[in-house]
Amino acid sequence: MDGLHARLKAIAKDGEIREYVMSHYLLLYARFDATIYLLSIRHHRQLSFDFQSLWAAKP
């Protein structure tokens, strides 16, 4: 998750990553000022957000 925070700060200094926990789901979203971007929805049985498989590593 630290890599995600670093990428977010590179885009906008006021951006935040937030999680919203529901009874069976976990929502991950980014907030920039008044705009919200939904990043992922996971069922509670899924262990984590796997961003490494989504983004190529920098050389």
N, C-alpha and C. Protein backbone atom coordinates (compact mmCIF):
# COMPACT_ATOMS: atom_id res chain seq x y z
N MET A 1 0.82 -1.19 0.00
CA MET A 1 0.00 0.00 0.00
C MET A 1 0.87 1.26 0.00
N ASP A 2 2.12 1.14 0.47
CA ASP A 2 3.01 2.30 0.49
C ASP A 2 3.29 2.81 -0.92
N GLY A 3 3.45 1.87 -1.87
CA GLY A 3 3.67 2.26 -3.26
C GLY A 3 2.49 3.03 -3.83
N LEU A 4 1.30 2.63 -3.44
CA LEU A 4 0.10 3.33 -3.88
C LEU A 4 0.05 4.74 -3.33
N HIS A 5 0.42 4.90 -2.06
CA HIS A 5 0.46 6.24 -1.46
C HIS A 5 1.49 7.12 -2.16
N ALA A 6 2.62 6.57 -2.52
CA ALA A 6 3.66 7.34 -3.22
C ALA A 6 3.18 7.78 -4.60
N ARG A 7 2.53 6.89 -5.31
CA ARG A 7 1.99 7.25 -6.64
C ARG A 7 0.90 8.31 -6.52
N LEU A 8 0.10 8.20 -5.49
CA LEU A 8 -0.96 9.18 -5.28
C LEU A 8 -0.37 10.56 -5.00
N LYS A 9 0.66 10.63 -4.17
CA LYS A 9 1.29 11.91 -3.86
C LYS A 9 1.97 12.51 -5.09
N ALA A 10 2.43 11.67 -6.03
CA ALA A 10 3.03 12.16 -7.27
C ALA A 10 1.97 12.82 -8.16
N ILE A 11 0.72 12.36 -8.05
CA ILE A 11 -0.36 12.92 -8.86
C ILE A 11 -0.89 14.22 -8.25
N ALA A 12 -1.17 14.17 -6.95
CA ALA A 12 -1.73 15.35 -6.27
C ALA A 12 -1.36 15.29 -4.80
N LYS A 13 -0.88 16.39 -4.26
CA LYS A 13 -0.44 16.41 -2.86
C LYS A 13 -1.60 16.33 -1.88
N ASP A 14 -2.80 16.74 -2.30
CA ASP A 14 -3.94 16.73 -1.39
C ASP A 14 -4.79 15.46 -1.51
N GLY A 15 -4.35 14.48 -2.31
CA GLY A 15 -5.11 13.25 -2.50
C GLY A 15 -5.00 12.33 -1.30
N GLU A 16 -6.03 11.53 -1.11
CA GLU A 16 -6.06 10.57 -0.01
C GLU A 16 -6.56 9.22 -0.51
N ILE A 17 -6.06 8.15 0.08
CA ILE A 17 -6.60 6.82 -0.15
C ILE A 17 -7.44 6.48 1.07
N ARG A 18 -8.64 6.00 0.82
CA ARG A 18 -9.53 5.66 1.92
C ARG A 18 -10.16 4.30 1.69
N GLU A 19 -10.56 3.66 2.77
CA GLU A 19 -11.27 2.40 2.71
C GLU A 19 -12.63 2.58 3.37
N TYR A 20 -13.63 1.93 2.79
CA TYR A 20 -14.97 1.94 3.37
C TYR A 20 -15.35 0.48 3.60
N VAL A 21 -15.59 0.11 4.84
CA VAL A 21 -15.89 -1.27 5.20
C VAL A 21 -17.39 -1.43 5.34
N MET A 22 -17.92 -2.39 4.57
CA MET A 22 -19.33 -2.74 4.65
C MET A 22 -19.43 -4.14 5.26
N SER A 23 -20.61 -4.68 5.40
CA SER A 23 -20.76 -5.99 6.04
C SER A 23 -20.04 -7.10 5.28
N HIS A 24 -20.08 -7.09 3.94
CA HIS A 24 -19.44 -8.15 3.17
C HIS A 24 -18.40 -7.63 2.18
N TYR A 25 -18.25 -6.33 2.06
CA TYR A 25 -17.36 -5.78 1.06
C TYR A 25 -16.45 -4.70 1.64
N LEU A 26 -15.31 -4.52 0.98
CA LEU A 26 -14.37 -3.47 1.32
C LEU A 26 -14.16 -2.64 0.07
N LEU A 27 -14.41 -1.35 0.15
CA LEU A 27 -14.23 -0.45 -0.98
C LEU A 27 -12.96 0.36 -0.76
N LEU A 28 -12.15 0.46 -1.80
CA LEU A 28 -10.94 1.27 -1.76
C LEU A 28 -11.14 2.40 -2.75
N TYR A 29 -10.94 3.64 -2.29
CA TYR A 29 -11.14 4.78 -3.18
C TYR A 29 -10.13 5.87 -2.90
N ALA A 30 -9.95 6.71 -3.91
CA ALA A 30 -9.05 7.86 -3.79
C ALA A 30 -9.90 9.12 -3.83
N ARG A 31 -9.52 10.09 -3.01
CA ARG A 31 -10.25 11.36 -2.96
C ARG A 31 -9.29 12.50 -3.31
N PHE A 32 -9.69 13.31 -4.28
CA PHE A 32 -8.97 14.52 -4.68
C PHE A 32 -9.96 15.67 -4.59
N ASP A 33 -9.77 16.57 -3.63
CA ASP A 33 -10.71 17.67 -3.41
C ASP A 33 -12.12 17.10 -3.28
N ALA A 34 -13.03 17.46 -4.18
CA ALA A 34 -14.42 16.99 -4.11
C ALA A 34 -14.69 15.81 -5.04
N THR A 35 -13.65 15.26 -5.66
CA THR A 35 -13.83 14.15 -6.61
C THR A 35 -13.36 12.85 -5.97
N ILE A 36 -14.17 11.81 -6.15
CA ILE A 36 -13.86 10.49 -5.60
C ILE A 36 -13.72 9.51 -6.76
N TYR A 37 -12.64 8.71 -6.72
CA TYR A 37 -12.39 7.68 -7.72
C TYR A 37 -12.43 6.31 -7.06
N LEU A 38 -13.33 5.47 -7.51
CA LEU A 38 -13.42 4.12 -6.97
C LEU A 38 -12.29 3.30 -7.56
N LEU A 39 -11.46 2.70 -6.70
CA LEU A 39 -10.31 1.93 -7.14
C LEU A 39 -10.58 0.44 -7.15
N SER A 40 -11.31 -0.05 -6.15
CA SER A 40 -11.53 -1.49 -6.06
C SER A 40 -12.66 -1.79 -5.10
N ILE A 41 -13.37 -2.88 -5.40
CA ILE A 41 -14.37 -3.43 -4.49
C ILE A 41 -13.97 -4.88 -4.26
N ARG A 42 -13.81 -5.27 -3.02
CA ARG A 42 -13.40 -6.63 -2.69
C ARG A 42 -14.39 -7.25 -1.70
N HIS A 43 -14.66 -8.51 -1.89
CA HIS A 43 -15.45 -9.25 -0.92
C HIS A 43 -14.57 -9.50 0.30
N HIS A 44 -15.14 -9.59 1.47
CA HIS A 44 -14.35 -9.73 2.69
C HIS A 44 -13.50 -10.99 2.72
N ARG A 45 -13.80 -11.97 1.89
CA ARG A 45 -13.01 -13.21 1.86
C ARG A 45 -11.74 -13.06 1.03
N GLN A 46 -11.63 -12.00 0.25
CA GLN A 46 -10.40 -11.74 -0.48
C GLN A 46 -9.42 -11.08 0.48
N LEU A 47 -8.17 -11.51 0.44
CA LEU A 47 -7.23 -11.10 1.47
C LEU A 47 -6.71 -9.68 1.34
N SER A 48 -6.44 -9.21 0.10
CA SER A 48 -5.81 -7.90 -0.03
C SER A 48 -6.05 -7.31 -1.40
N PHE A 49 -5.59 -6.09 -1.57
CA PHE A 49 -5.59 -5.43 -2.86
C PHE A 49 -4.23 -5.71 -3.50
N ASP A 50 -4.22 -6.33 -4.67
CA ASP A 50 -2.98 -6.71 -5.33
C ASP A 50 -2.67 -5.74 -6.45
N PHE A 51 -2.02 -4.60 -6.13
CA PHE A 51 -1.72 -3.58 -7.12
C PHE A 51 -0.47 -3.92 -7.93
N GLN A 52 0.40 -4.78 -7.40
CA GLN A 52 1.61 -5.13 -8.11
C GLN A 52 1.28 -5.79 -9.44
N SER A 53 0.22 -6.59 -9.46
CA SER A 53 -0.14 -7.26 -10.72
C SER A 53 -0.81 -6.32 -11.69
N LEU A 54 -1.31 -5.18 -11.21
CA LEU A 54 -1.98 -4.22 -12.09
C LEU A 54 -1.04 -3.21 -12.69
N TRP A 55 0.01 -2.82 -11.96
CA TRP A 55 0.93 -1.79 -12.41
C TRP A 55 2.32 -2.38 -12.64
N ALA A 56 2.90 -2.04 -13.74
CA ALA A 56 4.27 -2.51 -14.01
C ALA A 56 5.25 -1.78 -13.10
N ALA A 57 6.25 -2.48 -12.65
CA ALA A 57 7.26 -1.88 -11.77
C ALA A 57 8.13 -0.93 -12.57
N LYS A 58 8.55 0.14 -11.93
CA LYS A 58 9.45 1.10 -12.58
C LYS A 58 10.85 0.50 -12.64
N PRO A 59 11.59 0.72 -13.74
CA PRO A 59 12.94 0.15 -13.85
C PRO A 59 13.92 0.81 -12.90
